[in-house]
N, C-alpha and C. Protein backbone atom coordinates (compact mmCIF):
# COMPACT_ATOMS: atom_id res chain seq x y z
N MET A 1 113.44 100.63 79.75
CA MET A 1 113.14 101.68 78.82
C MET A 1 114.05 102.86 79.11
N LYS A 2 114.70 103.35 78.08
CA LYS A 2 115.58 104.49 78.23
C LYS A 2 114.94 105.70 77.56
N ILE A 3 114.81 106.80 78.32
CA ILE A 3 114.24 108.01 77.76
C ILE A 3 115.08 109.22 78.17
N GLN A 4 114.97 110.26 77.39
CA GLN A 4 115.66 111.52 77.63
C GLN A 4 114.65 112.51 78.20
N LEU A 5 114.99 113.14 79.32
CA LEU A 5 114.09 114.10 79.94
C LEU A 5 114.81 115.42 80.19
N ASP A 6 114.12 116.52 79.92
CA ASP A 6 114.68 117.82 80.31
C ASP A 6 114.25 118.11 81.74
N HIS A 7 114.77 119.19 82.31
CA HIS A 7 114.48 119.46 83.72
C HIS A 7 113.01 119.80 83.96
N ILE A 8 112.34 120.38 82.99
CA ILE A 8 110.92 120.70 83.16
C ILE A 8 110.09 119.42 83.19
N GLN A 9 110.41 118.47 82.33
CA GLN A 9 109.72 117.18 82.36
C GLN A 9 109.99 116.47 83.68
N ARG A 10 111.23 116.52 84.13
CA ARG A 10 111.58 115.87 85.40
C ARG A 10 110.80 116.48 86.57
N LEU A 11 110.76 117.80 86.63
CA LEU A 11 110.07 118.47 87.74
C LEU A 11 108.57 118.19 87.70
N ASN A 12 107.97 118.25 86.53
CA ASN A 12 106.54 118.00 86.43
C ASN A 12 106.19 116.54 86.68
N LEU A 13 107.01 115.63 86.19
CA LEU A 13 106.77 114.21 86.43
C LEU A 13 106.96 113.90 87.91
N HIS A 14 107.95 114.50 88.54
CA HIS A 14 108.18 114.35 89.98
C HIS A 14 106.92 114.77 90.75
N ALA A 15 106.36 115.92 90.38
CA ALA A 15 105.15 116.41 91.06
C ALA A 15 103.96 115.49 90.80
N LEU A 16 103.81 115.05 89.56
CA LEU A 16 102.70 114.16 89.21
C LEU A 16 102.78 112.85 89.99
N LEU A 17 103.97 112.27 90.08
CA LEU A 17 104.14 111.04 90.85
C LEU A 17 103.86 111.28 92.33
N GLY A 18 104.23 112.45 92.82
CA GLY A 18 104.00 112.79 94.22
C GLY A 18 102.53 112.96 94.56
N ALA A 19 101.69 113.18 93.57
CA ALA A 19 100.25 113.37 93.80
C ALA A 19 99.47 112.05 93.73
N GLN A 20 100.17 110.96 93.43
CA GLN A 20 99.49 109.67 93.32
C GLN A 20 99.16 109.12 94.69
N ARG A 21 98.17 108.25 94.74
CA ARG A 21 97.77 107.58 95.98
C ARG A 21 97.99 106.09 95.83
N GLY A 22 98.17 105.41 96.94
CA GLY A 22 98.34 103.97 96.87
C GLY A 22 98.66 103.38 98.22
N ASP A 23 98.87 102.07 98.21
CA ASP A 23 99.24 101.38 99.44
C ASP A 23 100.73 101.65 99.71
N VAL A 24 101.24 101.12 100.79
CA VAL A 24 102.61 101.40 101.22
C VAL A 24 103.62 100.98 100.15
N ALA A 25 103.45 99.81 99.55
CA ALA A 25 104.39 99.35 98.52
C ALA A 25 104.37 100.29 97.31
N THR A 26 103.20 100.74 96.93
CA THR A 26 103.08 101.66 95.80
C THR A 26 103.75 102.98 96.11
N ILE A 27 103.51 103.51 97.29
CA ILE A 27 104.11 104.80 97.68
C ILE A 27 105.63 104.68 97.71
N ARG A 28 106.14 103.59 98.23
CA ARG A 28 107.61 103.41 98.24
C ARG A 28 108.17 103.35 96.83
N ALA A 29 107.47 102.68 95.92
CA ALA A 29 107.92 102.61 94.53
C ALA A 29 107.87 104.00 93.89
N LEU A 30 106.84 104.78 94.21
CA LEU A 30 106.74 106.14 93.69
C LEU A 30 107.86 107.02 94.25
N TRP A 31 108.17 106.87 95.52
CA TRP A 31 109.27 107.63 96.11
C TRP A 31 110.59 107.31 95.41
N ALA A 32 110.81 106.04 95.11
CA ALA A 32 112.05 105.64 94.43
C ALA A 32 112.14 106.31 93.06
N LEU A 33 111.01 106.38 92.35
CA LEU A 33 111.00 107.07 91.05
C LEU A 33 111.26 108.56 91.23
N GLN A 34 110.64 109.15 92.23
CA GLN A 34 110.87 110.57 92.49
C GLN A 34 112.34 110.83 92.81
N ASP A 35 112.95 109.95 93.60
CA ASP A 35 114.37 110.11 93.94
C ASP A 35 115.24 110.04 92.69
N LYS A 36 114.87 109.17 91.76
CA LYS A 36 115.63 109.02 90.52
C LYS A 36 115.52 110.27 89.65
N LEU A 37 114.34 110.89 89.65
CA LEU A 37 114.08 112.05 88.80
C LEU A 37 114.51 113.39 89.41
N ALA A 38 114.68 113.41 90.72
CA ALA A 38 114.95 114.67 91.42
C ALA A 38 116.21 115.36 90.89
N LEU A 39 116.16 116.69 90.91
CA LEU A 39 117.33 117.47 90.54
C LEU A 39 118.37 117.36 91.64
N SER A 40 119.63 117.36 91.27
CA SER A 40 120.71 117.40 92.26
C SER A 40 120.79 118.81 92.82
N ALA A 41 121.54 118.99 93.89
CA ALA A 41 121.71 120.32 94.48
C ALA A 41 122.31 121.29 93.46
N GLU A 42 123.25 120.80 92.68
CA GLU A 42 123.88 121.65 91.66
C GLU A 42 122.87 122.05 90.58
N GLU A 43 122.03 121.10 90.17
CA GLU A 43 121.00 121.40 89.17
C GLU A 43 119.98 122.39 89.72
N GLU A 44 119.60 122.22 90.98
CA GLU A 44 118.66 123.16 91.60
C GLU A 44 119.23 124.57 91.60
N THR A 45 120.49 124.70 91.95
CA THR A 45 121.15 126.01 91.94
C THR A 45 121.17 126.59 90.53
N ALA A 46 121.48 125.75 89.55
CA ALA A 46 121.60 126.22 88.17
C ALA A 46 120.30 126.79 87.62
N VAL A 47 119.15 126.24 88.03
CA VAL A 47 117.86 126.74 87.53
C VAL A 47 117.14 127.61 88.56
N GLU A 48 117.84 127.93 89.65
CA GLU A 48 117.28 128.77 90.72
C GLU A 48 115.97 128.17 91.27
N PHE A 49 116.01 126.88 91.54
CA PHE A 49 114.87 126.14 92.06
C PHE A 49 114.54 126.60 93.47
N LYS A 50 113.25 126.78 93.73
CA LYS A 50 112.78 127.16 95.06
C LYS A 50 111.57 126.32 95.40
N SER A 51 111.47 125.98 96.68
CA SER A 51 110.35 125.18 97.17
C SER A 51 109.80 125.83 98.42
N GLU A 52 108.47 125.89 98.52
CA GLU A 52 107.84 126.44 99.72
C GLU A 52 106.57 125.66 100.01
N PHE A 53 106.16 125.69 101.27
CA PHE A 53 104.92 125.03 101.66
C PHE A 53 103.88 126.10 101.96
N ALA A 54 102.70 125.91 101.39
CA ALA A 54 101.59 126.82 101.63
C ALA A 54 100.31 126.00 101.70
N GLY A 55 99.57 126.16 102.76
CA GLY A 55 98.32 125.42 102.91
C GLY A 55 98.50 123.92 102.89
N GLY A 56 99.63 123.43 103.42
CA GLY A 56 99.89 122.00 103.45
C GLY A 56 100.36 121.41 102.13
N GLN A 57 100.54 122.23 101.13
CA GLN A 57 100.99 121.77 99.81
C GLN A 57 102.35 122.37 99.49
N GLU A 58 103.19 121.56 98.85
CA GLU A 58 104.48 122.07 98.40
C GLU A 58 104.29 122.76 97.05
N ARG A 59 104.89 123.91 96.93
CA ARG A 59 104.86 124.68 95.68
C ARG A 59 106.29 124.89 95.26
N VAL A 60 106.59 124.56 94.01
CA VAL A 60 107.95 124.73 93.51
C VAL A 60 107.96 125.73 92.37
N ALA A 61 109.09 126.37 92.21
CA ALA A 61 109.28 127.33 91.12
C ALA A 61 110.74 127.31 90.72
N TRP A 62 111.00 127.74 89.51
CA TRP A 62 112.37 127.85 89.01
C TRP A 62 112.40 128.96 87.99
N ASN A 63 113.59 129.38 87.63
CA ASN A 63 113.76 130.45 86.66
C ASN A 63 113.61 129.88 85.25
N PRO A 64 112.54 130.27 84.52
CA PRO A 64 112.33 129.71 83.19
C PRO A 64 113.38 130.14 82.17
N GLN A 65 114.18 131.14 82.51
CA GLN A 65 115.25 131.57 81.61
C GLN A 65 116.48 130.67 81.72
N ARG A 66 116.52 129.84 82.74
CA ARG A 66 117.63 128.91 82.95
C ARG A 66 117.26 127.54 82.41
N SER A 67 118.25 126.77 82.02
CA SER A 67 117.97 125.42 81.56
C SER A 67 119.11 124.48 81.94
N LEU A 68 118.84 123.22 81.82
CA LEU A 68 119.82 122.16 82.08
C LEU A 68 119.88 121.27 80.85
N PRO A 69 120.99 120.59 80.66
CA PRO A 69 121.05 119.63 79.56
C PRO A 69 120.04 118.50 79.77
N VAL A 70 119.55 117.98 78.69
CA VAL A 70 118.67 116.81 78.74
C VAL A 70 119.47 115.66 79.35
N ARG A 71 118.78 114.83 80.12
CA ARG A 71 119.46 113.72 80.80
C ARG A 71 118.76 112.41 80.48
N ALA A 72 119.54 111.36 80.27
CA ALA A 72 119.00 110.04 79.97
C ALA A 72 118.66 109.31 81.27
N PHE A 73 117.52 108.63 81.26
CA PHE A 73 117.08 107.83 82.39
C PHE A 73 116.72 106.44 81.89
N GLU A 74 117.11 105.45 82.66
CA GLU A 74 116.77 104.06 82.35
C GLU A 74 115.72 103.62 83.37
N PHE A 75 114.56 103.20 82.87
CA PHE A 75 113.49 102.73 83.74
C PHE A 75 113.22 101.26 83.47
N THR A 76 112.98 100.52 84.54
CA THR A 76 112.58 99.12 84.38
C THR A 76 111.18 99.09 83.77
N ASP A 77 110.74 97.93 83.34
CA ASP A 77 109.39 97.81 82.80
C ASP A 77 108.35 98.20 83.86
N ALA A 78 108.58 97.80 85.10
CA ALA A 78 107.64 98.13 86.18
C ALA A 78 107.61 99.64 86.43
N GLU A 79 108.78 100.28 86.42
CA GLU A 79 108.83 101.73 86.62
C GLU A 79 108.14 102.46 85.47
N ALA A 80 108.41 102.02 84.25
CA ALA A 80 107.79 102.65 83.08
C ALA A 80 106.27 102.48 83.14
N ALA A 81 105.80 101.32 83.57
CA ALA A 81 104.36 101.09 83.69
C ALA A 81 103.74 102.01 84.74
N ARG A 82 104.45 102.23 85.83
CA ARG A 82 103.96 103.11 86.89
C ARG A 82 103.86 104.55 86.37
N ILE A 83 104.89 104.99 85.66
CA ILE A 83 104.90 106.34 85.08
C ILE A 83 103.77 106.46 84.06
N ARG A 84 103.65 105.47 83.19
CA ARG A 84 102.60 105.49 82.16
C ARG A 84 101.22 105.57 82.81
N ALA A 85 100.99 104.79 83.85
CA ALA A 85 99.69 104.81 84.53
C ALA A 85 99.41 106.18 85.15
N ALA A 86 100.42 106.78 85.76
CA ALA A 86 100.23 108.12 86.35
C ALA A 86 99.92 109.14 85.27
N LEU A 87 100.63 109.07 84.16
CA LEU A 87 100.41 110.01 83.05
C LEU A 87 99.01 109.85 82.46
N GLU A 88 98.60 108.61 82.26
CA GLU A 88 97.34 108.35 81.57
C GLU A 88 96.11 108.57 82.44
N THR A 89 96.25 108.55 83.75
CA THR A 89 95.08 108.67 84.61
C THR A 89 94.95 110.02 85.30
N TRP A 90 95.93 110.89 85.18
CA TRP A 90 95.85 112.20 85.84
C TRP A 90 94.73 113.01 85.20
N PRO A 91 93.77 113.51 85.99
CA PRO A 91 92.60 114.16 85.41
C PRO A 91 92.70 115.68 85.24
N ALA A 92 93.84 116.27 85.52
CA ALA A 92 93.86 117.74 85.59
C ALA A 92 94.94 118.41 84.73
N TYR A 93 95.21 117.89 83.56
CA TYR A 93 96.17 118.56 82.68
C TYR A 93 95.53 119.80 82.07
N GLY A 94 96.36 120.79 81.78
CA GLY A 94 95.92 121.94 81.00
C GLY A 94 96.43 121.76 79.58
N ALA A 95 95.54 121.81 78.60
CA ALA A 95 95.93 121.54 77.21
C ALA A 95 97.08 122.43 76.76
N ALA A 96 97.02 123.70 77.07
CA ALA A 96 98.08 124.62 76.64
C ALA A 96 99.26 124.60 77.62
N ALA A 97 98.97 124.70 78.90
CA ALA A 97 100.02 124.84 79.89
C ALA A 97 100.94 123.63 79.98
N ASP A 98 100.40 122.44 79.80
CA ASP A 98 101.20 121.23 79.99
C ASP A 98 101.75 120.64 78.70
N ARG A 99 101.35 121.17 77.57
CA ARG A 99 101.73 120.54 76.30
C ARG A 99 103.25 120.50 76.09
N ARG A 100 103.95 121.56 76.43
CA ARG A 100 105.39 121.65 76.17
C ARG A 100 106.18 120.50 76.80
N TRP A 101 105.82 120.12 78.01
CA TRP A 101 106.56 119.04 78.67
C TRP A 101 105.87 117.69 78.49
N LEU A 102 104.54 117.69 78.40
CA LEU A 102 103.79 116.44 78.40
C LEU A 102 103.78 115.73 77.05
N GLU A 103 103.59 116.46 75.97
CA GLU A 103 103.48 115.81 74.66
C GLU A 103 104.72 115.01 74.29
N PRO A 104 105.93 115.57 74.43
CA PRO A 104 107.11 114.75 74.11
C PRO A 104 107.26 113.54 75.04
N LEU A 105 106.90 113.71 76.30
CA LEU A 105 106.99 112.61 77.26
C LEU A 105 106.02 111.50 76.89
N LEU A 106 104.80 111.86 76.51
CA LEU A 106 103.83 110.85 76.10
C LEU A 106 104.29 110.09 74.86
N ARG A 107 104.92 110.80 73.91
CA ARG A 107 105.43 110.12 72.72
C ARG A 107 106.46 109.07 73.09
N MET A 108 107.25 109.33 74.14
CA MET A 108 108.30 108.40 74.54
C MET A 108 107.76 107.24 75.36
N ILE A 109 106.88 107.53 76.32
CA ILE A 109 106.52 106.51 77.30
C ILE A 109 105.12 105.94 77.11
N ALA A 110 104.24 106.65 76.44
CA ALA A 110 102.88 106.17 76.23
C ALA A 110 102.44 106.54 74.82
N PRO A 111 103.14 106.00 73.81
CA PRO A 111 102.79 106.39 72.44
C PRO A 111 101.37 105.98 72.09
N ALA A 112 100.76 106.80 71.27
CA ALA A 112 99.39 106.51 70.83
C ALA A 112 99.41 105.30 69.90
N THR A 113 98.48 104.42 70.11
CA THR A 113 98.29 103.27 69.22
C THR A 113 96.95 103.48 68.53
N PRO A 114 96.70 102.82 67.41
CA PRO A 114 95.38 102.98 66.77
C PRO A 114 94.23 102.68 67.73
N GLU A 115 94.40 101.67 68.60
CA GLU A 115 93.34 101.32 69.54
C GLU A 115 93.11 102.44 70.54
N ARG A 116 94.21 103.03 71.05
CA ARG A 116 94.08 104.13 72.01
C ARG A 116 93.46 105.35 71.34
N ALA A 117 93.91 105.65 70.14
CA ALA A 117 93.38 106.82 69.43
C ALA A 117 91.88 106.66 69.19
N GLU A 118 91.47 105.47 68.82
CA GLU A 118 90.05 105.22 68.56
C GLU A 118 89.24 105.33 69.85
N ALA A 119 89.78 104.80 70.93
CA ALA A 119 89.07 104.84 72.22
C ALA A 119 88.96 106.27 72.74
N GLN A 120 89.93 107.12 72.41
CA GLN A 120 89.94 108.49 72.92
C GLN A 120 89.28 109.48 71.98
N ALA A 121 88.94 109.06 70.79
CA ALA A 121 88.33 109.97 69.82
C ALA A 121 86.92 110.34 70.28
N PRO A 122 86.55 111.60 70.06
CA PRO A 122 85.19 112.00 70.44
C PRO A 122 84.18 111.31 69.53
N PRO A 123 82.96 111.13 70.01
CA PRO A 123 81.95 110.49 69.16
C PRO A 123 81.66 111.37 67.96
N PRO A 124 81.31 110.74 66.84
CA PRO A 124 81.01 111.54 65.64
C PRO A 124 79.82 112.45 65.88
N GLN A 125 79.87 113.64 65.31
CA GLN A 125 78.77 114.59 65.43
C GLN A 125 77.61 114.15 64.53
N GLN A 126 76.43 114.20 65.06
CA GLN A 126 75.27 113.86 64.26
C GLN A 126 74.69 115.13 63.67
N ARG A 127 74.29 115.03 62.45
CA ARG A 127 73.67 116.20 61.80
C ARG A 127 72.17 116.17 62.05
N SER A 128 71.63 117.34 62.22
CA SER A 128 70.18 117.40 62.44
C SER A 128 69.47 117.98 61.23
């Protein structure tokens, strides 16, 4: 699967993959995906990327006024499935905060199907 990602999608997807849990083989596969998505040193400089550790957690930031060109990535079926699973099972998205990077990514890698839309639809409201 070939998809185009901007640097914000790459950084957020990198963080999301880094928050996943699994056995050793799963973690190694996730690390390989993170390595593929990571910004190069030149890209980090261009967006003024900074990383710090606080309370045992890594916190990253970048200058939102800076941007990088969109970049194409080729993922195997197994890699795409791993990304899709991470995207679909993460329980802590913010509807407003994450929409800018998440919605286009979901359209590319986990498009809604009628079955998914029906399964995710809220139950009909009953009138009293």
